[in-house]
N, C-alpha and C. Protein backbone atom coordinates (compact mmCIF):
# COMPACT_ATOMS: atom_id res chain seq x y z
N MET A 1 6.94 6.77 -15.29
CA MET A 1 6.53 5.69 -14.51
C MET A 1 7.41 4.99 -13.47
N GLU A 2 7.00 4.73 -12.25
CA GLU A 2 8.09 4.18 -11.49
C GLU A 2 7.11 2.84 -11.02
N ILE A 3 7.86 1.79 -10.97
CA ILE A 3 7.37 0.57 -10.62
C ILE A 3 8.45 -0.08 -9.56
N ILE A 4 7.91 -0.46 -8.47
CA ILE A 4 8.52 -1.10 -7.45
C ILE A 4 8.46 -2.32 -7.41
N ARG A 5 9.67 -3.28 -8.00
CA ARG A 5 9.33 -4.93 -8.16
C ARG A 5 9.82 -5.47 -6.68
N PHE A 6 8.60 -6.18 -6.53
CA PHE A 6 8.64 -7.06 -5.34
C PHE A 6 9.99 -8.10 -5.11
N ALA A 7 10.22 -8.61 -6.15
CA ALA A 7 11.16 -9.77 -6.52
C ALA A 7 12.65 -9.03 -5.80
N ASP A 8 12.60 -7.46 -6.00
CA ASP A 8 13.97 -6.87 -5.79
C ASP A 8 14.22 -6.62 -4.51
N ILE A 9 13.20 -6.41 -3.57
CA ILE A 9 13.34 -5.90 -2.01
C ILE A 9 14.18 -7.38 -1.30
N HIS A 10 14.72 -6.49 -0.48
CA HIS A 10 15.54 -7.54 0.30
C HIS A 10 14.48 -8.07 1.56
N PRO A 11 14.33 -9.33 2.16
CA PRO A 11 13.49 -9.36 3.49
C PRO A 11 14.19 -9.07 4.67
N GLU A 12 13.79 -8.44 5.64
CA GLU A 12 14.38 -8.02 6.83
C GLU A 12 13.54 -8.95 7.93
N PRO A 13 14.43 -9.90 8.72
CA PRO A 13 13.64 -10.83 9.66
C PRO A 13 13.10 -10.02 10.94
N TRP A 14 11.96 -10.60 11.35
CA TRP A 14 11.57 -9.65 12.37
C TRP A 14 12.63 -10.04 14.02
N ARG A 15 12.41 -8.75 14.79
CA ARG A 15 13.56 -8.78 15.80
C ARG A 15 13.05 -10.33 16.78
N ASN A 16 11.74 -10.85 16.84
CA ASN A 16 11.33 -11.82 17.49
C ASN A 16 11.33 -13.24 17.07
N GLY A 17 11.58 -13.25 15.43
CA GLY A 17 11.81 -14.22 14.76
C GLY A 17 10.74 -14.50 14.18
N GLY A 18 9.35 -13.93 14.23
CA GLY A 18 8.21 -14.46 13.57
C GLY A 18 7.57 -14.13 12.06
N GLY A 19 8.54 -13.73 11.22
CA GLY A 19 8.70 -13.44 10.42
C GLY A 19 9.25 -12.53 9.51
N VAL A 20 9.21 -12.07 8.44
CA VAL A 20 9.83 -11.22 7.61
C VAL A 20 8.98 -10.05 7.10
N THR A 21 9.72 -8.92 6.98
CA THR A 21 9.23 -8.01 6.35
C THR A 21 9.79 -7.32 5.18
N ARG A 22 8.92 -6.83 3.86
CA ARG A 22 9.62 -6.27 2.98
C ARG A 22 9.12 -5.12 2.64
N GLU A 23 9.84 -3.87 2.78
CA GLU A 23 9.39 -2.31 2.73
C GLU A 23 9.25 -2.38 1.14
N LEU A 24 8.00 -1.86 1.05
CA LEU A 24 7.64 -1.00 -0.48
C LEU A 24 8.19 0.25 -1.00
N ALA A 25 7.86 1.05 0.39
CA ALA A 25 8.21 2.64 0.29
C ALA A 25 7.95 3.07 1.88
N SER A 26 9.03 4.26 1.87
CA SER A 26 8.54 4.68 3.28
C SER A 26 8.86 6.66 2.89
N HIS A 27 8.68 7.15 3.83
CA HIS A 27 8.60 8.61 3.78
C HIS A 27 8.92 9.53 5.16
N PRO A 28 10.21 9.79 5.69
CA PRO A 28 11.34 9.97 4.93
C PRO A 28 11.91 8.36 4.65
N LYS A 29 12.72 8.06 3.24
CA LYS A 29 13.26 6.86 3.03
C LYS A 29 14.31 6.58 4.54
N ALA A 30 13.94 5.32 5.05
CA ALA A 30 14.56 4.74 6.24
C ALA A 30 15.96 3.79 6.01
N ALA A 31 16.73 3.94 6.51
CA ALA A 31 17.95 2.99 6.12
C ALA A 31 17.58 1.75 6.64
N SER A 32 16.60 1.36 7.60
CA SER A 32 16.26 -0.08 7.90
C SER A 32 14.64 -0.37 7.85
N ALA A 33 14.24 -1.14 7.41
CA ALA A 33 12.62 -0.83 7.62
C ALA A 33 12.20 -1.17 9.07
N GLN A 34 13.16 -1.51 10.04
CA GLN A 34 12.90 -1.41 11.42
C GLN A 34 12.99 -0.53 12.38
N ASP A 35 13.72 0.47 11.54
CA ASP A 35 14.15 1.76 12.62
C ASP A 35 13.08 2.81 12.86
N GLY A 36 12.03 2.71 12.28
CA GLY A 36 11.07 3.48 12.61
C GLY A 36 11.24 4.65 12.51
N ALA A 37 12.52 5.38 11.52
CA ALA A 37 12.76 7.00 11.30
C ALA A 37 11.97 7.16 10.19
N TRP A 38 10.67 7.12 10.13
CA TRP A 38 9.72 7.54 8.58
C TRP A 38 8.50 8.08 9.67
N ASP A 39 7.66 8.85 8.71
CA ASP A 39 6.59 9.25 8.71
C ASP A 39 5.31 8.45 8.44
N TRP A 40 5.58 7.64 7.29
CA TRP A 40 4.75 6.53 6.91
C TRP A 40 5.41 5.46 6.02
N ARG A 41 4.95 4.37 6.30
CA ARG A 41 5.61 3.02 5.59
C ARG A 41 4.53 2.27 4.85
N VAL A 42 4.78 1.47 3.92
CA VAL A 42 4.13 0.65 3.27
C VAL A 42 4.93 -0.65 3.05
N SER A 43 4.41 -1.89 3.71
CA SER A 43 5.27 -2.96 3.53
C SER A 43 4.31 -4.37 3.78
N ILE A 44 5.04 -5.40 3.12
CA ILE A 44 4.34 -6.60 3.00
C ILE A 44 5.15 -7.80 4.06
N ALA A 45 4.33 -8.20 4.89
CA ALA A 45 5.32 -8.93 5.79
C ALA A 45 4.38 -10.81 5.89
N ASP A 46 5.40 -11.46 5.94
CA ASP A 46 5.27 -12.83 5.95
C ASP A 46 5.31 -13.30 7.38
N VAL A 47 4.18 -13.82 8.01
CA VAL A 47 4.21 -14.06 9.09
C VAL A 47 3.89 -15.63 9.52
N SER A 48 5.00 -16.39 10.16
CA SER A 48 5.03 -17.63 10.40
C SER A 48 4.75 -18.56 11.54
N LYS A 49 4.81 -17.38 12.63
CA LYS A 49 4.52 -18.04 13.90
C LYS A 49 3.79 -17.14 14.77
N ALA A 50 2.92 -17.60 15.55
CA ALA A 50 1.85 -16.98 16.57
C ALA A 50 2.99 -15.83 17.75
N GLY A 51 2.32 -14.60 17.68
CA GLY A 51 3.70 -14.04 18.65
C GLY A 51 3.00 -12.58 18.54
N GLU A 52 3.50 -11.73 19.57
CA GLU A 52 3.63 -10.32 19.67
C GLU A 52 4.23 -9.49 18.19
N PHE A 53 3.28 -8.40 17.90
CA PHE A 53 3.60 -7.68 17.16
C PHE A 53 4.26 -6.38 17.84
N SER A 54 5.27 -5.50 16.57
CA SER A 54 6.11 -4.76 17.23
C SER A 54 5.12 -3.67 17.21
N THR A 55 5.22 -2.42 18.74
CA THR A 55 4.40 -1.69 18.90
C THR A 55 4.95 -0.20 17.86
N PHE A 56 4.17 0.83 17.73
CA PHE A 56 5.02 1.58 16.83
C PHE A 56 4.09 3.16 17.38
N PRO A 57 4.74 3.38 18.52
CA PRO A 57 4.40 4.32 19.35
C PRO A 57 4.02 5.81 18.33
N GLY A 58 3.22 6.53 18.51
CA GLY A 58 2.55 7.55 17.62
C GLY A 58 2.20 7.19 16.30
N MET A 59 1.90 6.49 16.12
CA MET A 59 1.60 5.65 14.49
C MET A 59 0.04 5.20 14.98
N GLU A 60 -0.41 5.23 13.59
CA GLU A 60 -1.70 4.14 13.41
C GLU A 60 -1.32 3.28 12.11
N ARG A 61 -1.98 2.09 12.20
CA ARG A 61 -1.82 1.08 11.34
C ARG A 61 -3.15 0.67 10.56
N VAL A 62 -2.89 -0.09 9.36
CA VAL A 62 -4.19 -0.70 8.83
C VAL A 62 -3.27 -2.14 8.20
N ILE A 63 -3.86 -2.79 8.40
CA ILE A 63 -3.47 -4.28 8.13
C ILE A 63 -4.23 -4.90 7.45
N THR A 64 -3.94 -5.60 6.23
CA THR A 64 -4.94 -6.41 5.20
C THR A 64 -4.04 -7.64 4.98
N ILE A 65 -4.96 -8.94 5.31
CA ILE A 65 -4.49 -10.05 4.86
C ILE A 65 -4.67 -10.17 3.27
N ILE A 66 -3.35 -10.48 2.51
CA ILE A 66 -3.36 -10.67 1.38
C ILE A 66 -3.01 -11.78 0.85
N ASP A 67 -2.55 -13.13 1.97
CA ASP A 67 -2.65 -14.10 1.50
C ASP A 67 -2.82 -15.40 2.59
N GLY A 68 -3.63 -16.26 2.47
CA GLY A 68 -3.50 -17.01 3.63
C GLY A 68 -5.21 -16.95 3.95
N GLU A 69 -5.96 -17.35 4.87
CA GLU A 69 -7.19 -17.37 4.99
C GLU A 69 -7.58 -16.55 6.37
N LEU A 70 -6.55 -16.67 7.59
CA LEU A 70 -7.20 -15.95 8.65
C LEU A 70 -6.14 -15.48 9.54
N LEU A 71 -6.27 -14.33 10.13
CA LEU A 71 -5.24 -13.97 11.18
C LEU A 71 -6.04 -13.51 12.28
N LEU A 72 -5.90 -14.02 13.59
CA LEU A 72 -6.51 -13.83 14.91
C LEU A 72 -5.96 -12.72 15.54
N LEU A 73 -6.08 -11.55 15.38
CA LEU A 73 -5.13 -10.41 15.67
C LEU A 73 -6.00 -9.99 17.20
N THR A 74 -5.16 -9.96 18.33
CA THR A 74 -5.43 -9.34 19.58
C THR A 74 -4.78 -7.98 19.67
N VAL A 75 -5.71 -6.99 20.06
CA VAL A 75 -5.42 -5.75 20.22
C VAL A 75 -5.73 -5.20 21.43
N ASP A 76 -4.80 -4.86 22.55
CA ASP A 76 -5.61 -4.37 23.86
C ASP A 76 -6.32 -5.47 24.52
N GLY A 77 -6.38 -6.66 24.10
CA GLY A 77 -7.03 -7.72 25.19
C GLY A 77 -8.46 -8.19 24.11
N ALA A 78 -8.68 -7.65 22.79
CA ALA A 78 -9.67 -7.83 22.01
C ALA A 78 -9.06 -8.31 21.02
N GLU A 79 -10.08 -9.58 20.47
CA GLU A 79 -9.76 -10.46 19.43
C GLU A 79 -10.67 -10.25 18.49
N HIS A 80 -9.71 -9.62 16.94
CA HIS A 80 -10.35 -9.44 15.46
C HIS A 80 -9.80 -10.36 14.78
N PRO A 81 -10.89 -11.43 14.63
CA PRO A 81 -10.49 -12.30 12.90
C PRO A 81 -10.41 -11.53 12.16
N LEU A 82 -9.21 -11.69 11.37
CA LEU A 82 -9.06 -10.84 10.20
C LEU A 82 -9.02 -11.55 8.94
N GLU A 83 -10.10 -11.87 7.89
CA GLU A 83 -10.18 -12.42 6.74
C GLU A 83 -9.34 -11.39 5.62
N LYS A 84 -9.10 -12.38 4.76
CA LYS A 84 -8.31 -11.95 3.24
C LYS A 84 -9.14 -10.64 2.82
N TYR A 85 -8.30 -10.03 2.61
CA TYR A 85 -8.81 -8.56 1.63
C TYR A 85 -9.75 -7.73 2.64
N ARG A 86 -9.74 -8.02 3.69
CA ARG A 86 -10.44 -6.66 4.77
C ARG A 86 -9.41 -6.13 5.28
N PRO A 87 -9.36 -4.55 5.06
CA PRO A 87 -8.57 -3.90 6.01
C PRO A 87 -8.96 -3.69 7.20
N PHE A 88 -7.88 -3.81 8.34
CA PHE A 88 -8.14 -3.61 9.75
C PHE A 88 -7.32 -2.41 10.17
N ARG A 89 -8.08 -1.34 10.90
CA ARG A 89 -7.19 -0.25 11.16
C ARG A 89 -6.80 -0.35 13.15
N PHE A 90 -6.01 0.07 13.19
CA PHE A 90 -5.54 -0.08 14.93
C PHE A 90 -4.58 0.79 15.18
N SER A 91 -4.36 1.20 16.47
CA SER A 91 -3.44 2.19 16.97
C SER A 91 -2.01 1.51 16.98
N GLY A 92 -0.77 2.03 16.59
CA GLY A 92 0.20 1.10 16.55
C GLY A 92 0.83 1.41 18.04
N GLU A 93 0.24 2.13 19.27
CA GLU A 93 0.73 2.08 20.37
C GLU A 93 0.14 0.82 20.96
N ALA A 94 -0.96 0.42 20.95
CA ALA A 94 -1.62 -1.28 21.26
C ALA A 94 -0.41 -2.26 21.46
N ALA A 95 -1.21 -2.70 22.41
CA ALA A 95 -0.08 -4.11 22.48
C ALA A 95 -0.88 -4.98 21.62
N SER A 96 -0.09 -5.93 20.59
CA SER A 96 -1.07 -6.62 19.73
C SER A 96 -0.49 -7.89 19.51
N SER A 97 -0.98 -8.95 19.32
CA SER A 97 -0.29 -10.11 18.94
C SER A 97 -1.12 -10.82 18.23
N ALA A 98 -0.85 -11.98 17.31
CA ALA A 98 -1.52 -12.89 16.44
C ALA A 98 -1.10 -14.42 16.34
N ALA A 99 -2.22 -14.90 16.22
CA ALA A 99 -2.29 -16.28 16.32
C ALA A 99 -2.84 -16.63 14.70
N LEU A 100 -2.08 -17.98 14.38
CA LEU A 100 -2.47 -18.42 13.16
C LEU A 100 -3.22 -19.71 13.08
N PRO A 101 -4.79 -19.63 12.89
CA PRO A 101 -5.29 -20.84 13.23
C PRO A 101 -5.35 -21.83 12.07
N THR A 102 -5.16 -20.97 10.59
CA THR A 102 -5.19 -21.65 9.38
C THR A 102 -3.78 -21.73 8.79
N GLY A 103 -2.75 -21.45 9.24
CA GLY A 103 -1.36 -21.43 8.91
C GLY A 103 -1.01 -20.01 8.81
N ASP A 104 0.48 -19.98 7.72
CA ASP A 104 0.95 -19.09 7.74
C ASP A 104 0.31 -18.04 6.88
N ILE A 105 0.18 -16.82 6.90
CA ILE A 105 -0.17 -15.60 6.38
C ILE A 105 0.82 -14.70 5.78
N ARG A 106 0.14 -13.97 4.80
CA ARG A 106 0.92 -12.47 4.02
C ARG A 106 0.40 -11.41 4.14
N ASP A 107 0.40 -10.37 4.99
CA ASP A 107 -0.31 -9.04 4.98
C ASP A 107 0.18 -7.85 4.51
N LEU A 108 -0.45 -6.76 4.34
CA LEU A 108 -0.16 -5.73 3.83
C LEU A 108 -0.20 -4.73 4.73
N ASN A 109 0.94 -4.15 5.36
CA ASN A 109 0.78 -2.98 6.23
C ASN A 109 0.95 -1.53 5.94
N VAL A 110 0.07 -0.78 6.26
CA VAL A 110 0.45 0.83 6.14
C VAL A 110 0.35 1.26 7.40
N ILE A 111 1.47 2.18 7.68
CA ILE A 111 1.71 2.72 9.33
C ILE A 111 1.84 4.19 8.86
N ALA A 112 1.25 5.20 9.80
CA ALA A 112 1.63 6.41 9.22
C ALA A 112 1.49 7.23 10.97
N ARG A 113 2.19 8.05 10.72
CA ARG A 113 2.87 9.09 12.09
C ARG A 113 1.28 9.68 12.12
N THR A 114 0.40 9.60 13.52
CA THR A 114 -0.69 10.41 13.47
C THR A 114 -0.62 11.69 13.63
N GLY A 115 -1.47 12.54 13.28
CA GLY A 115 -1.63 13.98 13.17
C GLY A 115 -0.67 14.27 11.86
N ALA A 116 -0.08 13.53 11.51
CA ALA A 116 0.82 14.19 10.20
C ALA A 116 0.34 13.58 8.92
N PHE A 117 0.09 12.27 9.06
CA PHE A 117 -0.57 11.45 7.64
C PHE A 117 -1.57 10.73 8.06
N LYS A 118 -2.12 10.27 6.96
CA LYS A 118 -3.31 9.29 7.21
C LYS A 118 -3.19 8.09 6.25
N GLY A 119 -3.21 6.94 6.29
CA GLY A 119 -3.16 5.97 5.69
C GLY A 119 -4.49 5.07 5.12
N TYR A 120 -4.44 4.78 4.05
CA TYR A 120 -5.86 4.25 3.60
C TYR A 120 -5.66 2.95 2.54
N THR A 121 -6.31 1.98 2.87
CA THR A 121 -6.07 0.85 2.18
C THR A 121 -7.58 0.53 1.35
N SER A 122 -7.75 0.26 0.25
CA SER A 122 -8.84 -0.06 -0.75
C SER A 122 -8.35 -1.27 -1.23
N ILE A 123 -9.25 -2.41 -1.65
CA ILE A 123 -9.30 -3.53 -2.39
C ILE A 123 -9.98 -3.06 -3.48
N VAL A 124 -9.46 -3.23 -4.74
CA VAL A 124 -10.20 -3.10 -6.01
C VAL A 124 -10.04 -4.30 -7.09
N GLU A 125 -11.00 -4.38 -7.77
CA GLU A 125 -10.91 -5.36 -8.85
C GLU A 125 -10.94 -4.55 -10.32
N ILE A 126 -9.87 -5.54 -10.91
CA ILE A 126 -9.75 -4.85 -12.21
C ILE A 126 -10.07 -5.23 -13.11
N SER A 127 -9.91 -4.42 -14.20
CA SER A 127 -10.81 -4.62 -15.58
C SER A 127 -9.80 -4.57 -16.82
N LYS A 128 -9.96 -5.59 -17.79
CA LYS A 128 -9.24 -5.47 -19.11
C LYS A 128 -9.80 -4.15 -19.57
N LYS A 129 -11.25 -3.89 -19.57
CA LYS A 129 -12.10 -2.79 -20.52
C LYS A 129 -11.85 -1.54 -19.44
N ARG A 130 -11.84 -1.29 -18.67
CA ARG A 130 -11.36 0.26 -17.93
C ARG A 130 -10.13 0.30 -17.26
N ALA A 131 -9.09 0.94 -17.58
CA ALA A 131 -7.87 0.83 -16.84
C ALA A 131 -8.31 1.75 -15.38
N HIS A 132 -7.70 1.24 -14.52
CA HIS A 132 -7.65 2.10 -13.12
C HIS A 132 -6.41 3.16 -12.77
N PRO A 133 -6.70 4.18 -12.79
CA PRO A 133 -5.62 5.43 -12.74
C PRO A 133 -4.89 5.14 -10.81
N VAL A 134 -4.02 5.59 -11.10
CA VAL A 134 -3.09 5.68 -9.71
C VAL A 134 -2.42 7.05 -9.74
N PHE A 135 -3.15 7.85 -8.58
CA PHE A 135 -2.86 9.01 -8.75
C PHE A 135 -1.66 9.35 -7.73
N GLU A 136 -0.98 10.96 -7.50
CA GLU A 136 -0.19 11.47 -6.51
C GLU A 136 -0.73 10.79 -5.03
N GLY A 137 0.22 10.45 -4.48
CA GLY A 137 -0.14 9.97 -3.43
C GLY A 137 -0.71 8.43 -3.29
N GLN A 138 -0.60 7.88 -4.12
CA GLN A 138 -1.23 6.78 -3.92
C GLN A 138 -0.02 5.58 -4.39
N LEU A 139 -0.15 4.44 -3.89
CA LEU A 139 0.46 3.13 -4.54
C LEU A 139 -0.42 2.14 -4.76
N ALA A 140 -0.27 1.53 -5.50
CA ALA A 140 -1.34 0.42 -6.50
C ALA A 140 -0.43 -0.91 -6.25
N ILE A 141 -0.61 -2.03 -5.73
CA ILE A 141 -0.17 -3.16 -5.54
C ILE A 141 -0.77 -4.36 -6.27
N LEU A 142 -0.53 -5.04 -7.02
CA LEU A 142 -0.95 -6.33 -7.59
C LEU A 142 -1.10 -7.46 -6.67
N LEU A 143 -2.41 -7.58 -6.38
CA LEU A 143 -2.35 -8.95 -5.39
C LEU A 143 -2.65 -10.33 -5.69
N GLU A 144 -3.17 -10.28 -6.80
CA GLU A 144 -3.33 -11.42 -7.75
C GLU A 144 -3.90 -11.41 -9.02
N GLY A 145 -3.71 -12.04 -10.01
CA GLY A 145 -4.01 -12.08 -11.50
C GLY A 145 -3.09 -11.41 -12.21
N LYS A 146 -3.47 -11.25 -13.29
CA LYS A 146 -2.44 -10.55 -14.34
C LYS A 146 -2.82 -9.28 -14.80
N ALA A 147 -1.75 -8.55 -14.91
CA ALA A 147 -2.25 -6.88 -15.20
C ALA A 147 -1.14 -6.55 -15.83
N THR A 148 -1.28 -5.21 -16.49
CA THR A 148 0.11 -4.33 -17.12
C THR A 148 -0.39 -2.90 -16.64
N VAL A 149 0.54 -2.08 -16.65
CA VAL A 149 0.56 -0.74 -16.41
C VAL A 149 1.22 -0.12 -17.92
N ALA A 150 0.53 1.21 -18.13
CA ALA A 150 1.01 2.02 -18.96
C ALA A 150 0.89 3.32 -18.65
N PRO A 151 1.62 4.52 -18.90
CA PRO A 151 1.18 5.81 -18.63
C PRO A 151 0.03 6.30 -18.98
N GLY A 152 -0.64 7.07 -18.42
CA GLY A 152 -1.73 7.79 -18.77
C GLY A 152 -1.78 8.87 -19.84
N ALA A 153 -2.63 9.07 -20.21
CA ALA A 153 -2.93 10.23 -21.15
C ALA A 153 -2.40 11.55 -20.45
N VAL A 154 -1.73 12.63 -21.26
CA VAL A 154 -1.27 13.54 -20.95
C VAL A 154 -2.61 14.80 -21.28
N VAL A 155 -2.73 15.37 -19.70
CA VAL A 155 -3.92 16.13 -19.47
C VAL A 155 -3.43 17.70 -19.37
N GLU A 156 -4.03 18.64 -20.74
CA GLU A 156 -3.19 20.09 -20.48
C GLU A 156 -3.61 20.61 -19.00
N LYS A 157 -2.93 21.53 -18.88
CA LYS A 157 -3.27 22.14 -17.80
C LYS A 157 -3.91 23.77 -18.06
N GLU A 158 -4.53 24.19 -17.10
CA GLU A 158 -5.07 25.76 -17.55
C GLU A 158 -4.13 26.78 -17.78
N SER A 159 -4.43 27.63 -18.91
CA SER A 159 -3.09 28.46 -19.23
C SER A 159 -3.31 29.83 -18.09
N ASP A 160 -2.36 30.76 -18.46
CA ASP A 160 -2.40 31.70 -17.52
C ASP A 160 -3.73 32.42 -17.08
N GLY A 161 -4.27 32.36 -18.51
CA GLY A 161 -5.77 33.41 -18.44
C GLY A 161 -7.13 32.45 -17.86
N GLY A 162 -6.41 31.44 -17.17
CA GLY A 162 -7.71 30.75 -16.76
C GLY A 162 -8.12 29.59 -17.41
N GLU A 163 -8.20 29.56 -18.88
CA GLU A 163 -8.61 28.76 -19.70
C GLU A 163 -7.77 27.54 -20.03
N ALA A 164 -8.62 26.45 -20.17
CA ALA A 164 -7.82 24.90 -20.56
C ALA A 164 -7.23 25.26 -21.90
N ALA A 165 -5.71 24.57 -21.91
CA ALA A 165 -5.27 24.98 -23.28
C ALA A 165 -5.71 24.16 -24.51
N THR A 166 -6.21 23.13 -24.03
CA THR A 166 -7.19 22.14 -24.86
C THR A 166 -8.02 21.31 -23.94
N SER A 167 -8.80 20.84 -25.23
CA SER A 167 -10.35 20.39 -24.21
C SER A 167 -10.17 18.80 -24.41
N GLU A 168 -9.19 18.31 -24.86
CA GLU A 168 -9.14 16.86 -25.21
C GLU A 168 -7.79 16.49 -24.25
N ALA A 169 -7.54 15.21 -23.88
CA ALA A 169 -6.15 14.68 -23.51
C ALA A 169 -5.65 14.04 -24.73
N ALA A 170 -4.30 14.15 -24.58
CA ALA A 170 -3.40 13.58 -25.78
C ALA A 170 -3.31 11.99 -25.33
N PRO A 171 -3.61 11.14 -26.50
CA PRO A 171 -3.46 9.64 -26.34
C PRO A 171 -2.19 9.42 -25.58
N SER A 172 -2.12 7.94 -24.80
CA SER A 172 -0.85 7.74 -24.47
C SER A 172 -0.20 6.92 -25.12
N THR A 173 1.43 7.20 -25.29
CA THR A 173 2.21 6.58 -26.04
C THR A 173 2.91 5.56 -25.60
N GLY A 174 2.81 5.28 -24.45
CA GLY A 174 3.75 4.49 -23.42
C GLY A 174 3.66 2.97 -23.91
N GLU A 175 4.33 2.07 -24.06
CA GLU A 175 3.96 0.43 -24.40
C GLU A 175 3.51 -0.07 -22.36
N PRO A 176 2.44 -0.83 -22.78
CA PRO A 176 2.27 -1.36 -21.37
C PRO A 176 3.45 -2.04 -20.77
N VAL A 177 3.41 -2.35 -19.16
CA VAL A 177 4.56 -2.97 -18.69
C VAL A 177 4.00 -3.83 -17.94
N GLU A 178 4.27 -5.32 -18.12
CA GLU A 178 3.89 -6.51 -17.35
C GLU A 178 3.92 -6.17 -15.80
N LEU A 179 3.20 -6.65 -14.77
CA LEU A 179 3.48 -6.48 -13.50
C LEU A 179 3.52 -7.93 -12.91
N SER A 180 4.47 -8.28 -12.04
CA SER A 180 3.87 -9.45 -11.23
C SER A 180 3.62 -9.27 -9.74
N ARG A 181 3.28 -10.66 -9.51
CA ARG A 181 2.34 -10.21 -8.08
C ARG A 181 3.27 -9.24 -7.03
N TYR A 182 2.73 -8.84 -6.51
CA TYR A 182 2.75 -7.58 -5.09
C TYR A 182 3.90 -6.49 -5.96
N ASP A 183 4.21 -6.61 -7.26
CA ASP A 183 4.65 -5.26 -7.83
C ASP A 183 3.93 -4.09 -7.21
N ALA A 184 4.49 -3.18 -7.19
CA ALA A 184 3.60 -1.85 -6.69
C ALA A 184 4.22 -0.64 -7.88
N VAL A 185 3.05 0.08 -8.26
CA VAL A 185 3.01 1.01 -9.45
C VAL A 185 2.97 2.57 -8.12
N VAL A 186 3.77 3.32 -8.55
CA VAL A 186 3.59 4.95 -7.61
C VAL A 186 2.86 5.75 -8.49
N GLY A 187 2.06 6.28 -7.71
CA GLY A 187 0.91 7.18 -8.69
C GLY A 187 1.50 8.34 -8.84
N SER A 188 1.06 9.14 -9.99
CA SER A 188 1.55 10.34 -10.15
C SER A 188 0.18 11.32 -10.69
N ASP A 189 0.41 12.83 -10.74
CA ASP A 189 -0.60 13.48 -11.29
C ASP A 189 -0.29 13.81 -12.58
N THR A 190 1.16 13.51 -13.12
CA THR A 190 1.43 13.72 -14.59
C THR A 190 1.22 12.23 -15.32
N ARG A 191 0.53 12.46 -16.10
CA ARG A 191 0.19 10.83 -16.78
C ARG A 191 0.19 9.93 -15.95
N SER A 192 -0.77 9.98 -15.18
CA SER A 192 -1.15 9.10 -13.92
C SER A 192 -1.02 7.75 -14.81
N PRO A 193 -0.05 6.62 -13.84
CA PRO A 193 -0.19 5.38 -14.46
C PRO A 193 -1.59 4.76 -14.37
N GLU A 194 -1.90 3.92 -15.58
CA GLU A 194 -3.08 3.12 -15.53
C GLU A 194 -2.95 1.65 -15.58
N ILE A 195 -3.74 0.75 -14.89
CA ILE A 195 -3.51 -0.40 -14.73
C ILE A 195 -4.70 -1.13 -15.07
N SER A 196 -4.49 -2.08 -15.97
CA SER A 196 -5.59 -3.14 -16.44
C SER A 196 -5.47 -4.23 -16.53
N GLY A 197 -6.14 -5.11 -16.61
CA GLY A 197 -6.34 -6.81 -16.34
C GLY A 197 -7.09 -7.48 -16.05
N ARG A 198 -7.04 -8.37 -15.38
CA ARG A 198 -8.26 -9.57 -14.69
C ARG A 198 -7.19 -9.77 -13.00
N GLY A 199 -7.89 -9.09 -12.13
CA GLY A 199 -7.46 -9.44 -10.80
C GLY A 199 -7.95 -8.42 -9.62
N PHE A 200 -6.73 -8.55 -8.56
CA PHE A 200 -7.30 -7.67 -7.40
C PHE A 200 -5.95 -6.74 -7.09
N ILE A 201 -6.17 -5.59 -7.07
CA ILE A 201 -4.89 -4.48 -6.41
C ILE A 201 -5.58 -4.03 -5.00
N ALA A 202 -4.64 -3.45 -4.25
CA ALA A 202 -4.65 -2.72 -3.30
C ALA A 202 -3.89 -1.50 -3.80
N VAL A 203 -4.82 -0.37 -3.30
CA VAL A 203 -4.80 0.79 -3.65
C VAL A 203 -4.42 1.78 -2.51
N ILE A 204 -3.45 2.07 -2.08
CA ILE A 204 -2.52 2.61 -0.74
C ILE A 204 -2.95 3.72 -1.05
N SER A 205 -3.48 4.88 -0.11
CA SER A 205 -3.60 6.38 -0.34
C SER A 205 -3.07 6.75 1.11
N ILE A 206 -2.02 7.51 0.75
CA ILE A 206 -1.34 8.47 2.12
C ILE A 206 -2.13 9.97 2.13
N ASP A 207 -2.49 10.49 2.98
CA ASP A 207 -3.00 11.93 2.86
C ASP A 207 -2.43 12.63 3.83
N HIS A 208 -1.83 13.97 3.54
CA HIS A 208 -1.37 14.49 4.45
C HIS A 208 -2.48 15.29 5.47
N VAL A 209 -2.19 15.45 6.77
CA VAL A 209 -3.15 15.54 7.70
C VAL A 209 -2.65 17.12 8.23
N GLU A 210 -3.62 18.21 7.69
CA GLU A 210 -3.34 19.52 8.16
C GLU A 210 -3.37 19.64 9.64
N PRO A 211 -2.51 20.35 10.12
CA PRO A 211 -2.54 20.69 11.73
C PRO A 211 -3.96 21.28 12.07
N ALA A 212 -4.32 20.96 13.28
CA ALA A 212 -5.53 21.81 13.58
C ALA A 212 -5.37 23.21 14.51
N HIS A 213 -5.89 23.94 14.02
CA HIS A 213 -5.65 25.28 14.64
C HIS A 213 -6.59 25.49 15.92
N ALA A 214 -6.03 26.20 16.64
CA ALA A 214 -6.69 26.32 17.73
C ALA A 214 -7.92 27.75 17.90
């Protein structure tokens, strides 16, 4: 079970001085959050000054306000008021800029290379009664509240004869680990991590896009 601790991530200042970015994950792993040598990236940014956003040619972006009230995002001349926990998708090639009518904000960014990967962001309310699993290709980030994560049950795979080796899943034996705000849990299909508690998480899904055949 892999947990990315937000407190351990070094913030990287934007080139225009308008904010800082903390990269949670990328593929392939880049030497810098700013160099763009990746096919997808998940990051959290603190925006403290109005101004232009960086462009990412050949990419598609999903931005979600996770702290603060409102971001006025202008994309190719069209203004979009972005409220908290409402993901917004737009082209990374588009000329975009931000205004901060209610003060500083923090946003969650998912950027994926068009035609190779597709990124999705969902905001999920978690419960103590029913744990939320995090599967392979997903990243779950605690946005607010209190939560723990534990390895899920071991599910037996089918035997060579095509029949399931067992009809029941072995119970989880891992102790729950407490999450801090903005910590990220990396998904897995082997004992998928399960998050429980009270609050909200962002579930990021990165899907591989199969090339279109002529």
